[in-house]
Amino acid sequence: MKTSDQKTKKSTRIYLLLSAAVLFIAAGIFMYEYAAKEYQIQKAAQDNLDLQDEIVNDSDLFDDVGDLSLISDSHAKEQYISPIDFETLRSKNSDSVAWMVIQNAEMSFPVMCHEGDNTYYLNRNFDNEWSVYGAAYIEDYNSVDFSDTAVVVYGHNIRGGKWFGKFQVIYTDKEQFEQSRYIKLYLPDEERTYRVFAAVPHNNEHLLESYDFD
């Protein structure tokens, strides 16, 4: 017959083996989730580059925009021809309302708006597939022609300074701040140049519900 001490040792071994198995499974799940998220991030970045190649007709969008005045670069007497192929862009996704480029930051992407669901692109990409990367979008609090006094463009703060996480890197460094002071917004019938005068960390307070920007 087994002694009480032998039974205790056997129970301890079984417990340790089960604990190790649970830890191994947990580690496997964690690694799978991490790899899946990394894949989504890399895929989103590549998909956006592929979209740029197809939609952007001007390879100089990343060039310095210079010391320009604010608001609009449109010329009333000239017929505006956008460097963005909006016809093709909207044939791929009719929710596309603009294209944004941030000077010297190598950020060039479509801005979306999904009527009736303000969180639609929180975890969906341009192709309407689920993605942790999401897409850049505005809510229906704003007009799609960007005529409001204040427009909030949403995007994920991805770790490692990716996607909107770049803002933390760019705008907390004086030199990079100066190099990325201009943001271009391309619409089907005009383009606008905005100059960044401040970058302020903020909480998750809903800006358009909390403040009267008019």
N, C-alpha and C. Protein backbone atom coordinates (compact mmCIF):
# COMPACT_ATOMS: atom_id res chain seq x y z
N MET A 1 0.83 -1.20 0.00
CA MET A 1 0.00 0.00 0.00
C MET A 1 0.87 1.26 0.00
N LYS A 2 0.37 2.27 -0.68
CA LYS A 2 1.11 3.52 -0.74
C LYS A 2 0.95 4.28 0.57
N THR A 3 2.04 4.86 0.98
CA THR A 3 1.98 5.66 2.19
C THR A 3 1.35 7.01 1.89
N SER A 4 1.00 7.68 2.96
CA SER A 4 0.40 9.01 2.83
C SER A 4 1.37 9.97 2.15
N ASP A 5 2.66 9.80 2.44
CA ASP A 5 3.68 10.68 1.85
C ASP A 5 3.78 10.46 0.35
N GLN A 6 3.68 9.20 -0.09
CA GLN A 6 3.75 8.88 -1.51
C GLN A 6 2.55 9.47 -2.25
N LYS A 7 1.39 9.36 -1.62
CA LYS A 7 0.18 9.92 -2.24
C LYS A 7 0.29 11.44 -2.38
N THR A 8 0.86 12.07 -1.36
CA THR A 8 1.02 13.53 -1.40
C THR A 8 1.96 13.94 -2.53
N LYS A 9 3.08 13.20 -2.67
CA LYS A 9 4.04 13.49 -3.73
C LYS A 9 3.41 13.31 -5.10
N LYS A 10 2.62 12.25 -5.24
CA LYS A 10 1.96 11.99 -6.52
C LYS A 10 0.97 13.10 -6.84
N SER A 11 0.20 13.52 -5.86
CA SER A 11 -0.76 14.61 -6.05
C SER A 11 -0.06 15.90 -6.43
N THR A 12 1.11 16.13 -5.79
CA THR A 12 1.88 17.34 -6.10
C THR A 12 2.38 17.32 -7.54
N ARG A 13 2.86 16.13 -8.00
CA ARG A 13 3.34 16.00 -9.37
C ARG A 13 2.21 16.26 -10.37
N ILE A 14 1.06 15.70 -10.09
CA ILE A 14 -0.10 15.88 -10.97
C ILE A 14 -0.49 17.35 -11.02
N TYR A 15 -0.49 17.98 -9.84
CA TYR A 15 -0.85 19.41 -9.77
C TYR A 15 0.13 20.26 -10.57
N LEU A 16 1.45 19.94 -10.43
CA LEU A 16 2.46 20.70 -11.15
C LEU A 16 2.33 20.50 -12.65
N LEU A 17 2.05 19.25 -13.07
CA LEU A 17 1.88 18.97 -14.49
C LEU A 17 0.66 19.70 -15.06
N LEU A 18 -0.42 19.69 -14.31
CA LEU A 18 -1.63 20.39 -14.76
C LEU A 18 -1.39 21.89 -14.82
N SER A 19 -0.69 22.42 -13.82
CA SER A 19 -0.38 23.85 -13.79
C SER A 19 0.49 24.23 -14.99
N ALA A 20 1.49 23.38 -15.29
CA ALA A 20 2.36 23.65 -16.43
C ALA A 20 1.57 23.61 -17.73
N ALA A 21 0.63 22.66 -17.83
CA ALA A 21 -0.19 22.54 -19.04
C ALA A 21 -1.06 23.78 -19.22
N VAL A 22 -1.66 24.26 -18.12
CA VAL A 22 -2.50 25.45 -18.18
C VAL A 22 -1.67 26.66 -18.60
N LEU A 23 -0.47 26.80 -18.01
CA LEU A 23 0.40 27.92 -18.36
C LEU A 23 0.82 27.85 -19.83
N PHE A 24 1.10 26.63 -20.30
CA PHE A 24 1.50 26.44 -21.70
C PHE A 24 0.37 26.83 -22.64
N ILE A 25 -0.84 26.43 -22.31
CA ILE A 25 -2.01 26.77 -23.13
C ILE A 25 -2.24 28.29 -23.13
N ALA A 26 -2.13 28.89 -21.93
CA ALA A 26 -2.33 30.34 -21.81
C ALA A 26 -1.28 31.09 -22.63
N ALA A 27 -0.02 30.61 -22.55
CA ALA A 27 1.05 31.25 -23.32
C ALA A 27 0.78 31.12 -24.81
N GLY A 28 0.28 29.95 -25.21
CA GLY A 28 -0.03 29.72 -26.62
C GLY A 28 -1.13 30.65 -27.11
N ILE A 29 -2.16 30.82 -26.28
CA ILE A 29 -3.26 31.73 -26.64
C ILE A 29 -2.76 33.16 -26.75
N PHE A 30 -1.93 33.56 -25.77
CA PHE A 30 -1.37 34.92 -25.79
C PHE A 30 -0.53 35.14 -27.04
N MET A 31 0.33 34.17 -27.39
CA MET A 31 1.18 34.31 -28.57
C MET A 31 0.34 34.36 -29.83
N TYR A 32 -0.74 33.57 -29.87
CA TYR A 32 -1.61 33.57 -31.04
C TYR A 32 -2.29 34.92 -31.20
N GLU A 33 -2.81 35.46 -30.08
CA GLU A 33 -3.48 36.76 -30.14
C GLU A 33 -2.50 37.86 -30.54
N TYR A 34 -1.28 37.80 -30.00
CA TYR A 34 -0.28 38.80 -30.33
C TYR A 34 0.08 38.72 -31.82
N ALA A 35 0.29 37.49 -32.31
CA ALA A 35 0.64 37.31 -33.71
C ALA A 35 -0.51 37.75 -34.62
N ALA A 36 -1.75 37.47 -34.20
CA ALA A 36 -2.91 37.87 -35.00
C ALA A 36 -3.02 39.38 -35.09
N LYS A 37 -2.78 40.07 -33.97
CA LYS A 37 -2.83 41.53 -33.97
C LYS A 37 -1.71 42.11 -34.82
N GLU A 38 -0.51 41.55 -34.70
CA GLU A 38 0.60 42.03 -35.51
C GLU A 38 0.32 41.83 -36.99
N TYR A 39 -0.28 40.69 -37.32
CA TYR A 39 -0.63 40.43 -38.72
C TYR A 39 -1.63 41.46 -39.22
N GLN A 40 -2.64 41.76 -38.38
CA GLN A 40 -3.64 42.75 -38.76
C GLN A 40 -3.00 44.12 -39.00
N ILE A 41 -2.07 44.50 -38.13
CA ILE A 41 -1.40 45.79 -38.26
C ILE A 41 -0.57 45.84 -39.53
N GLN A 42 0.21 44.79 -39.77
CA GLN A 42 1.04 44.75 -40.97
C GLN A 42 0.19 44.71 -42.24
N LYS A 43 -0.89 43.95 -42.19
CA LYS A 43 -1.79 43.84 -43.35
C LYS A 43 -2.43 45.19 -43.65
N ALA A 44 -2.88 45.89 -42.59
CA ALA A 44 -3.52 47.18 -42.79
C ALA A 44 -2.56 48.18 -43.42
N ALA A 45 -1.32 48.18 -42.94
CA ALA A 45 -0.32 49.10 -43.49
C ALA A 45 -0.06 48.79 -44.96
N GLN A 46 0.07 47.51 -45.30
CA GLN A 46 0.32 47.13 -46.69
C GLN A 46 -0.88 47.42 -47.57
N ASP A 47 -2.08 47.13 -47.06
CA ASP A 47 -3.30 47.41 -47.83
C ASP A 47 -3.41 48.90 -48.14
N ASN A 48 -3.02 49.74 -47.17
CA ASN A 48 -3.10 51.18 -47.40
C ASN A 48 -2.09 51.63 -48.46
N LEU A 49 -0.90 51.02 -48.45
CA LEU A 49 0.10 51.33 -49.47
C LEU A 49 -0.40 50.91 -50.85
N ASP A 50 -1.03 49.75 -50.92
CA ASP A 50 -1.58 49.28 -52.19
C ASP A 50 -2.68 50.22 -52.68
N LEU A 51 -3.51 50.69 -51.74
CA LEU A 51 -4.58 51.62 -52.11
C LEU A 51 -4.00 52.93 -52.61
N GLN A 52 -2.94 53.42 -51.95
CA GLN A 52 -2.28 54.64 -52.41
C GLN A 52 -1.80 54.50 -53.85
N ASP A 53 -1.18 53.36 -54.15
CA ASP A 53 -0.65 53.14 -55.50
C ASP A 53 -1.75 53.22 -56.55
N GLU A 54 -2.94 52.81 -56.17
CA GLU A 54 -4.05 52.79 -57.12
C GLU A 54 -4.81 54.10 -57.19
N ILE A 55 -4.88 54.83 -56.06
CA ILE A 55 -5.76 55.99 -55.96
C ILE A 55 -5.03 57.32 -56.16
N VAL A 56 -3.80 57.41 -55.66
CA VAL A 56 -3.07 58.67 -55.69
C VAL A 56 -2.39 58.85 -57.03
N ASN A 57 -2.70 59.95 -57.73
CA ASN A 57 -2.16 60.21 -59.05
C ASN A 57 -0.97 61.15 -59.04
N ASP A 58 -0.56 61.59 -57.86
CA ASP A 58 0.55 62.53 -57.74
C ASP A 58 1.56 61.98 -56.74
N SER A 59 2.75 61.67 -57.23
CA SER A 59 3.77 61.07 -56.36
C SER A 59 4.41 62.09 -55.43
N ASP A 60 4.08 63.37 -55.59
CA ASP A 60 4.69 64.42 -54.78
C ASP A 60 3.84 64.83 -53.59
N LEU A 61 2.87 64.03 -53.20
CA LEU A 61 2.01 64.42 -52.09
C LEU A 61 2.79 64.56 -50.79
N PHE A 62 3.91 63.86 -50.67
CA PHE A 62 4.69 63.92 -49.44
C PHE A 62 5.68 65.07 -49.43
N ASP A 63 5.79 65.79 -50.54
CA ASP A 63 6.72 66.92 -50.58
C ASP A 63 6.29 67.99 -49.61
N ASP A 64 7.25 68.83 -49.19
CA ASP A 64 6.93 69.94 -48.29
C ASP A 64 5.88 70.82 -48.94
N VAL A 65 4.87 71.18 -48.17
CA VAL A 65 3.82 72.04 -48.71
C VAL A 65 4.18 73.51 -48.57
N GLY A 66 5.27 73.80 -47.86
CA GLY A 66 5.74 75.18 -47.79
C GLY A 66 4.98 76.01 -46.76
N ASP A 67 5.32 77.27 -46.71
CA ASP A 67 4.71 78.19 -45.74
C ASP A 67 3.44 78.77 -46.35
N LEU A 68 2.37 78.00 -46.27
CA LEU A 68 1.11 78.38 -46.92
C LEU A 68 0.11 78.98 -45.95
N SER A 69 -0.81 79.73 -46.48
CA SER A 69 -1.92 80.24 -45.68
C SER A 69 -2.88 79.10 -45.40
N LEU A 70 -3.75 79.32 -44.43
CA LEU A 70 -4.66 78.26 -44.01
C LEU A 70 -5.88 78.13 -44.90
N ILE A 71 -6.62 77.09 -44.63
CA ILE A 71 -7.98 76.82 -45.06
C ILE A 71 -8.10 76.24 -46.46
N SER A 72 -7.83 76.98 -47.52
CA SER A 72 -8.15 76.41 -48.83
C SER A 72 -7.12 76.81 -49.87
N ASP A 73 -6.78 75.85 -50.73
CA ASP A 73 -5.89 76.10 -51.85
C ASP A 73 -6.66 76.17 -53.15
N SER A 74 -7.98 76.15 -53.09
CA SER A 74 -8.81 76.15 -54.29
C SER A 74 -8.75 77.51 -54.97
N HIS A 75 -8.87 77.52 -56.25
CA HIS A 75 -8.88 78.75 -57.02
C HIS A 75 -10.20 78.80 -57.78
N ALA A 76 -10.99 79.81 -57.48
CA ALA A 76 -12.34 79.88 -58.01
C ALA A 76 -12.37 79.92 -59.53
N LYS A 77 -11.34 80.52 -60.14
CA LYS A 77 -11.35 80.69 -61.58
C LYS A 77 -10.72 79.51 -62.32
N GLU A 78 -10.18 78.57 -61.58
CA GLU A 78 -9.53 77.43 -62.19
C GLU A 78 -10.33 76.16 -61.90
N GLN A 79 -10.36 75.27 -62.86
CA GLN A 79 -11.02 73.98 -62.64
C GLN A 79 -10.10 73.09 -61.83
N TYR A 80 -10.58 72.68 -60.69
CA TYR A 80 -9.75 71.88 -59.79
C TYR A 80 -9.71 70.42 -60.25
N ILE A 81 -8.52 69.88 -60.33
CA ILE A 81 -8.33 68.47 -60.65
C ILE A 81 -7.62 67.83 -59.47
N SER A 82 -8.31 66.95 -58.78
CA SER A 82 -7.76 66.35 -57.57
C SER A 82 -6.69 65.31 -57.92
N PRO A 83 -5.61 65.25 -57.14
CA PRO A 83 -4.61 64.20 -57.33
C PRO A 83 -5.09 62.85 -56.82
N ILE A 84 -6.27 62.85 -56.21
CA ILE A 84 -6.87 61.62 -55.70
C ILE A 84 -7.97 61.17 -56.65
N ASP A 85 -7.92 59.92 -57.06
CA ASP A 85 -8.94 59.36 -57.95
C ASP A 85 -10.16 58.98 -57.11
N PHE A 86 -11.03 59.97 -56.85
CA PHE A 86 -12.17 59.73 -55.98
C PHE A 86 -13.19 58.79 -56.62
N GLU A 87 -13.27 58.79 -57.93
CA GLU A 87 -14.22 57.89 -58.59
C GLU A 87 -13.88 56.44 -58.30
N THR A 88 -12.60 56.11 -58.45
CA THR A 88 -12.17 54.74 -58.15
C THR A 88 -12.25 54.47 -56.65
N LEU A 89 -11.85 55.46 -55.85
CA LEU A 89 -11.89 55.29 -54.39
C LEU A 89 -13.29 54.97 -53.91
N ARG A 90 -14.27 55.71 -54.39
CA ARG A 90 -15.65 55.52 -53.94
C ARG A 90 -16.30 54.30 -54.57
N SER A 91 -15.77 53.85 -55.68
CA SER A 91 -16.28 52.60 -56.24
C SER A 91 -15.86 51.42 -55.38
N LYS A 92 -14.73 51.60 -54.69
CA LYS A 92 -14.27 50.55 -53.78
C LYS A 92 -14.99 50.64 -52.43
N ASN A 93 -15.26 51.87 -51.98
CA ASN A 93 -15.99 52.06 -50.73
C ASN A 93 -16.66 53.43 -50.77
N SER A 94 -17.97 53.42 -50.83
CA SER A 94 -18.73 54.67 -50.97
C SER A 94 -18.71 55.52 -49.71
N ASP A 95 -18.17 54.99 -48.60
CA ASP A 95 -18.08 55.77 -47.36
C ASP A 95 -16.88 56.72 -47.37
N SER A 96 -16.06 56.68 -48.40
CA SER A 96 -14.87 57.54 -48.46
C SER A 96 -15.30 58.99 -48.66
N VAL A 97 -14.86 59.87 -47.77
CA VAL A 97 -15.27 61.28 -47.86
C VAL A 97 -14.09 62.21 -48.12
N ALA A 98 -12.86 61.76 -47.87
CA ALA A 98 -11.71 62.62 -48.08
C ALA A 98 -10.45 61.76 -48.08
N TRP A 99 -9.34 62.43 -48.43
CA TRP A 99 -8.02 61.78 -48.34
C TRP A 99 -7.12 62.75 -47.59
N MET A 100 -6.40 62.24 -46.59
CA MET A 100 -5.57 63.09 -45.75
C MET A 100 -4.10 62.71 -45.89
N VAL A 101 -3.25 63.73 -45.94
CA VAL A 101 -1.80 63.54 -46.01
C VAL A 101 -1.15 64.43 -44.96
N ILE A 102 -0.25 63.86 -44.16
CA ILE A 102 0.46 64.63 -43.14
C ILE A 102 1.91 64.80 -43.58
N GLN A 103 2.33 66.03 -43.67
CA GLN A 103 3.64 66.40 -44.19
C GLN A 103 4.77 65.66 -43.47
N ASN A 104 5.65 65.06 -44.27
CA ASN A 104 6.88 64.42 -43.79
C ASN A 104 6.65 63.27 -42.81
N ALA A 105 5.41 62.85 -42.62
CA ALA A 105 5.13 61.76 -41.68
C ALA A 105 4.83 60.45 -42.41
N GLU A 106 4.84 60.49 -43.73
CA GLU A 106 4.51 59.34 -44.55
C GLU A 106 3.17 58.74 -44.12
N MET A 107 2.23 59.63 -43.85
CA MET A 107 0.87 59.22 -43.53
C MET A 107 -0.06 59.74 -44.62
N SER A 108 -0.65 58.84 -45.35
CA SER A 108 -1.52 59.17 -46.47
C SER A 108 -2.64 58.14 -46.48
N PHE A 109 -3.88 58.57 -46.26
CA PHE A 109 -4.94 57.59 -46.04
C PHE A 109 -6.32 58.19 -46.31
N PRO A 110 -7.31 57.33 -46.60
CA PRO A 110 -8.68 57.81 -46.78
C PRO A 110 -9.34 58.08 -45.43
N VAL A 111 -10.28 59.01 -45.44
CA VAL A 111 -11.10 59.30 -44.25
C VAL A 111 -12.51 58.84 -44.55
N MET A 112 -13.09 58.06 -43.63
CA MET A 112 -14.37 57.43 -43.86
C MET A 112 -15.48 58.04 -43.00
N CYS A 113 -16.72 57.81 -43.40
CA CYS A 113 -17.88 58.16 -42.58
C CYS A 113 -19.01 57.22 -42.93
N HIS A 114 -19.49 56.48 -41.94
CA HIS A 114 -20.56 55.50 -42.17
C HIS A 114 -21.85 56.01 -41.54
N GLU A 115 -22.77 56.40 -42.36
CA GLU A 115 -24.02 56.97 -41.87
C GLU A 115 -24.80 55.97 -41.03
N GLY A 116 -25.23 56.42 -39.85
CA GLY A 116 -26.05 55.58 -38.99
C GLY A 116 -25.29 54.74 -37.99
N ASP A 117 -23.96 54.69 -38.10
CA ASP A 117 -23.17 53.90 -37.16
C ASP A 117 -21.81 54.56 -37.00
N ASN A 118 -21.66 55.35 -35.94
CA ASN A 118 -20.43 56.12 -35.74
C ASN A 118 -19.24 55.27 -35.31
N THR A 119 -19.46 54.02 -34.92
CA THR A 119 -18.35 53.16 -34.51
C THR A 119 -18.03 52.10 -35.57
N TYR A 120 -18.60 52.22 -36.74
CA TYR A 120 -18.46 51.20 -37.77
C TYR A 120 -16.99 50.93 -38.10
N TYR A 121 -16.21 52.00 -38.26
CA TYR A 121 -14.81 51.83 -38.66
C TYR A 121 -13.85 51.78 -37.47
N LEU A 122 -14.40 51.63 -36.29
CA LEU A 122 -13.55 51.47 -35.11
C LEU A 122 -12.74 50.19 -35.23
N ASN A 123 -13.36 49.12 -35.70
CA ASN A 123 -12.67 47.84 -35.89
C ASN A 123 -12.97 47.24 -37.26
N ARG A 124 -13.13 48.10 -38.26
CA ARG A 124 -13.24 47.64 -39.65
C ARG A 124 -12.29 48.44 -40.51
N ASN A 125 -11.71 47.79 -41.50
CA ASN A 125 -10.79 48.51 -42.38
C ASN A 125 -11.52 49.05 -43.61
N PHE A 126 -10.77 49.59 -44.53
CA PHE A 126 -11.34 50.19 -45.74
C PHE A 126 -12.18 49.19 -46.52
N ASP A 127 -11.78 47.92 -46.48
CA ASP A 127 -12.48 46.86 -47.22
C ASP A 127 -13.63 46.25 -46.42
N ASN A 128 -14.01 46.90 -45.32
CA ASN A 128 -15.11 46.45 -44.46
C ASN A 128 -14.84 45.11 -43.79
N GLU A 129 -13.56 44.77 -43.65
CA GLU A 129 -13.17 43.56 -42.94
C GLU A 129 -12.83 43.92 -41.49
N TRP A 130 -13.03 42.96 -40.58
CA TRP A 130 -12.68 43.22 -39.18
C TRP A 130 -11.18 43.43 -39.07
N SER A 131 -10.78 44.44 -38.28
CA SER A 131 -9.36 44.73 -38.11
C SER A 131 -9.16 45.52 -36.82
N VAL A 132 -8.12 45.15 -36.06
CA VAL A 132 -7.78 45.92 -34.86
C VAL A 132 -7.28 47.31 -35.26
N TYR A 133 -6.80 47.44 -36.48
CA TYR A 133 -6.27 48.71 -36.98
C TYR A 133 -7.40 49.70 -37.24
N GLY A 134 -8.57 49.19 -37.62
CA GLY A 134 -9.69 50.07 -37.94
C GLY A 134 -9.37 50.92 -39.15
N ALA A 135 -9.99 52.10 -39.22
CA ALA A 135 -9.74 53.05 -40.30
C ALA A 135 -9.89 54.46 -39.73
N ALA A 136 -9.36 55.44 -40.45
CA ALA A 136 -9.57 56.83 -40.04
C ALA A 136 -11.00 57.22 -40.43
N TYR A 137 -11.72 57.87 -39.51
CA TYR A 137 -13.12 58.19 -39.82
C TYR A 137 -13.58 59.41 -39.04
N ILE A 138 -14.66 60.01 -39.54
CA ILE A 138 -15.36 61.06 -38.81
C ILE A 138 -16.74 60.53 -38.46
N GLU A 139 -17.35 61.12 -37.44
CA GLU A 139 -18.70 60.75 -37.05
C GLU A 139 -19.71 61.66 -37.74
N ASP A 140 -20.98 61.26 -37.68
CA ASP A 140 -22.01 62.07 -38.36
C ASP A 140 -22.36 63.35 -37.59
N TYR A 141 -21.63 63.61 -36.50
CA TYR A 141 -21.71 64.94 -35.88
C TYR A 141 -21.14 65.99 -36.83
N ASN A 142 -20.24 65.56 -37.69
CA ASN A 142 -19.60 66.44 -38.65
C ASN A 142 -20.19 66.28 -40.04
N SER A 143 -20.06 67.35 -40.83
CA SER A 143 -20.48 67.29 -42.23
C SER A 143 -19.38 66.65 -43.06
N VAL A 144 -19.77 65.87 -44.06
CA VAL A 144 -18.78 65.16 -44.86
C VAL A 144 -18.01 66.10 -45.79
N ASP A 145 -18.46 67.34 -45.93
CA ASP A 145 -17.70 68.30 -46.73
C ASP A 145 -16.69 69.08 -45.88
N PHE A 146 -16.58 68.72 -44.59
CA PHE A 146 -15.60 69.32 -43.67
C PHE A 146 -15.78 70.83 -43.54
N SER A 147 -17.03 71.27 -43.56
CA SER A 147 -17.32 72.70 -43.46
C SER A 147 -17.52 73.17 -42.02
N ASP A 148 -17.47 72.24 -41.06
CA ASP A 148 -17.69 72.61 -39.66
C ASP A 148 -16.50 73.36 -39.08
N THR A 149 -16.77 74.11 -38.02
CA THR A 149 -15.70 74.84 -37.34
C THR A 149 -14.65 73.87 -36.79
N ALA A 150 -15.09 72.76 -36.24
CA ALA A 150 -14.17 71.74 -35.70
C ALA A 150 -14.57 70.38 -36.25
N VAL A 151 -13.61 69.64 -36.75
CA VAL A 151 -13.83 68.29 -37.27
C VAL A 151 -12.92 67.34 -36.51
N VAL A 152 -13.48 66.27 -35.98
CA VAL A 152 -12.69 65.28 -35.25
C VAL A 152 -12.51 64.05 -36.13
N VAL A 153 -11.25 63.73 -36.41
CA VAL A 153 -10.92 62.53 -37.19
C VAL A 153 -10.37 61.49 -36.22
N TYR A 154 -11.00 60.32 -36.19
CA TYR A 154 -10.63 59.27 -35.24
C TYR A 154 -9.70 58.25 -35.90
N GLY A 155 -8.79 57.71 -35.09
CA GLY A 155 -7.91 56.63 -35.53
C GLY A 155 -7.24 56.00 -34.33
N HIS A 156 -6.85 54.74 -34.44
CA HIS A 156 -6.27 54.02 -33.30
C HIS A 156 -4.83 54.46 -33.01
N ASN A 157 -4.52 54.52 -31.73
CA ASN A 157 -3.16 54.77 -31.26
C ASN A 157 -2.46 53.41 -31.15
N ILE A 158 -1.90 52.94 -32.26
CA ILE A 158 -1.28 51.62 -32.30
C ILE A 158 0.10 51.67 -31.64
N ARG A 159 0.41 50.64 -30.85
CA ARG A 159 1.69 50.59 -30.14
C ARG A 159 2.86 50.64 -31.14
N GLY A 160 3.98 51.09 -30.62
CA GLY A 160 5.17 51.16 -31.46
C GLY A 160 5.19 52.34 -32.40
N GLY A 161 4.35 53.35 -32.14
CA GLY A 161 4.34 54.53 -32.98
C GLY A 161 3.77 54.30 -34.36
N LYS A 162 2.80 53.38 -34.46
CA LYS A 162 2.18 53.09 -35.75
C LYS A 162 0.79 53.73 -35.82
N TRP A 163 0.37 53.96 -37.06
CA TRP A 163 -0.94 54.57 -37.33
C TRP A 163 -1.04 55.89 -36.56
N PHE A 164 -2.12 56.17 -35.83
CA PHE A 164 -2.22 57.45 -35.12
C PHE A 164 -1.28 57.50 -33.92
N GLY A 165 -0.67 56.37 -33.58
CA GLY A 165 0.36 56.36 -32.55
C GLY A 165 1.57 57.19 -32.94
N LYS A 166 1.70 57.49 -34.25
CA LYS A 166 2.81 58.33 -34.71
C LYS A 166 2.72 59.74 -34.14
N PHE A 167 1.49 60.19 -33.85
CA PHE A 167 1.34 61.56 -33.37
C PHE A 167 2.09 61.79 -32.07
N GLN A 168 2.08 60.79 -31.21
CA GLN A 168 2.78 60.91 -29.93
C GLN A 168 4.28 61.11 -30.16
N VAL A 169 4.79 60.42 -31.18
CA VAL A 169 6.22 60.53 -31.51
C VAL A 169 6.51 61.86 -32.19
N ILE A 170 5.69 62.20 -33.18
CA ILE A 170 5.96 63.38 -34.01
C ILE A 170 5.80 64.68 -33.23
N TYR A 171 4.67 64.80 -32.54
CA TYR A 171 4.33 66.11 -31.99
C TYR A 171 4.81 66.34 -30.56
N THR A 172 5.60 65.43 -30.03
CA THR A 172 6.27 65.69 -28.75
C THR A 172 7.76 65.96 -28.95
N ASP A 173 8.19 65.95 -30.20
CA ASP A 173 9.57 66.25 -30.55
C ASP A 173 9.59 67.54 -31.34
N LYS A 174 10.34 68.53 -30.87
CA LYS A 174 10.30 69.87 -31.47
C LYS A 174 10.67 69.85 -32.95
N GLU A 175 11.72 69.12 -33.29
CA GLU A 175 12.16 69.09 -34.69
C GLU A 175 11.12 68.42 -35.59
N GLN A 176 10.60 67.28 -35.14
CA GLN A 176 9.59 66.59 -35.94
C GLN A 176 8.29 67.39 -36.01
N PHE A 177 7.98 68.08 -34.92
CA PHE A 177 6.80 68.94 -34.92
C PHE A 177 6.89 69.96 -36.05
N GLU A 178 8.05 70.62 -36.15
CA GLU A 178 8.24 71.64 -37.18
C GLU A 178 8.15 71.04 -38.58
N GLN A 179 8.67 69.82 -38.73
CA GLN A 179 8.70 69.18 -40.04
C GLN A 179 7.32 68.68 -40.48
N SER A 180 6.42 68.49 -39.52
CA SER A 180 5.09 67.94 -39.85
C SER A 180 3.97 68.90 -39.48
N ARG A 181 4.21 70.19 -39.69
CA ARG A 181 3.24 71.19 -39.26
C ARG A 181 2.05 71.31 -40.21
N TYR A 182 2.14 70.72 -41.40
CA TYR A 182 1.08 70.91 -42.37
C TYR A 182 0.35 69.60 -42.65
N ILE A 183 -0.97 69.72 -42.73
CA ILE A 183 -1.83 68.58 -43.06
C ILE A 183 -2.64 68.95 -44.29
N LYS A 184 -2.60 68.10 -45.29
CA LYS A 184 -3.38 68.30 -46.51
C LYS A 184 -4.65 67.46 -46.44
N LEU A 185 -5.76 68.08 -46.78
CA LEU A 185 -7.03 67.36 -46.86
C LEU A 185 -7.55 67.50 -48.28
N TYR A 186 -7.68 66.38 -48.96
CA TYR A 186 -8.16 66.37 -50.33
C TYR A 186 -9.63 65.95 -50.37
N LEU A 187 -10.44 66.79 -50.99
CA LEU A 187 -11.85 66.52 -51.22
C LEU A 187 -12.05 66.39 -52.72
N PRO A 188 -13.18 65.87 -53.17
CA PRO A 188 -13.39 65.71 -54.62
C PRO A 188 -13.28 67.01 -55.40
N ASP A 189 -13.69 68.15 -54.78
CA ASP A 189 -13.73 69.40 -55.53
C ASP A 189 -12.79 70.47 -55.00
N GLU A 190 -11.96 70.14 -54.03
CA GLU A 190 -10.99 71.10 -53.52
C GLU A 190 -9.98 70.41 -52.61
N GLU A 191 -8.91 71.13 -52.30
CA GLU A 191 -7.96 70.64 -51.31
C GLU A 191 -7.68 71.75 -50.32
N ARG A 192 -7.40 71.36 -49.08
CA ARG A 192 -7.18 72.34 -48.02
C ARG A 192 -5.85 72.04 -47.33
N THR A 193 -5.24 73.10 -46.85
CA THR A 193 -4.00 72.95 -46.10
C THR A 193 -4.21 73.50 -44.70
N TYR A 194 -3.96 72.67 -43.70
CA TYR A 194 -4.09 73.07 -42.30
C TYR A 194 -2.70 73.12 -41.66
N ARG A 195 -2.51 74.09 -40.80
CA ARG A 195 -1.23 74.24 -40.09
C ARG A 195 -1.42 73.87 -38.62
N VAL A 196 -0.64 72.91 -38.15
CA VAL A 196 -0.72 72.47 -36.75
C VAL A 196 -0.09 73.53 -35.86
N PHE A 197 -0.86 74.08 -34.94
CA PHE A 197 -0.30 75.09 -34.02
C PHE A 197 -0.12 74.53 -32.61
N ALA A 198 -0.78 73.39 -32.32
CA ALA A 198 -0.62 72.79 -31.00
C ALA A 198 -1.02 71.32 -31.07
N ALA A 199 -0.39 70.53 -30.22
CA ALA A 199 -0.74 69.12 -30.07
C ALA A 199 -0.93 68.86 -28.57
N VAL A 200 -2.12 68.46 -28.18
CA VAL A 200 -2.46 68.36 -26.76
C VAL A 200 -2.97 66.96 -26.42
N PRO A 201 -2.29 66.22 -25.54
CA PRO A 201 -2.83 64.94 -25.07
C PRO A 201 -4.18 65.16 -24.40
N HIS A 202 -5.12 64.25 -24.62
CA HIS A 202 -6.46 64.43 -24.09
C HIS A 202 -7.03 63.08 -23.68
N ASN A 203 -8.06 63.12 -22.85
CA ASN A 203 -8.70 61.88 -22.44
C ASN A 203 -9.74 61.46 -23.48
N ASN A 204 -10.60 60.50 -23.13
CA ASN A 204 -11.57 59.99 -24.09
C ASN A 204 -12.88 60.76 -24.08
N GLU A 205 -12.86 61.96 -23.57
CA GLU A 205 -14.04 62.82 -23.59
C GLU A 205 -14.46 63.08 -25.03
N HIS A 206 -15.77 63.01 -25.29
CA HIS A 206 -16.27 63.26 -26.64
C HIS A 206 -16.26 64.76 -26.90
N LEU A 207 -15.34 65.22 -27.74
CA LEU A 207 -15.12 66.65 -27.92
C LEU A 207 -16.34 67.38 -28.46
N LEU A 208 -16.98 66.81 -29.47
CA LEU A 208 -18.08 67.52 -30.13
C LEU A 208 -19.33 67.56 -29.26
N GLU A 209 -19.47 66.62 -28.32
CA GLU A 209 -20.60 66.66 -27.39
C GLU A 209 -20.30 67.55 -26.20
N SER A 210 -19.03 67.72 -25.89
CA SER A 210 -18.64 68.41 -24.67
C SER A 210 -18.42 69.92 -24.84
N TYR A 211 -18.12 70.33 -26.08
CA TYR A 211 -17.78 71.73 -26.30
C TYR A 211 -18.54 72.30 -27.50
N ASP A 212 -18.82 73.59 -27.41
CA ASP A 212 -19.49 74.30 -28.49
C ASP A 212 -18.44 75.04 -29.30
N PHE A 213 -17.98 74.43 -30.39
CA PHE A 213 -16.92 75.03 -31.18
C PHE A 213 -17.41 76.17 -32.07
N ASP A 214 -18.72 76.33 -32.18
CA ASP A 214 -19.23 77.45 -32.95
C ASP A 214 -18.99 78.77 -32.24
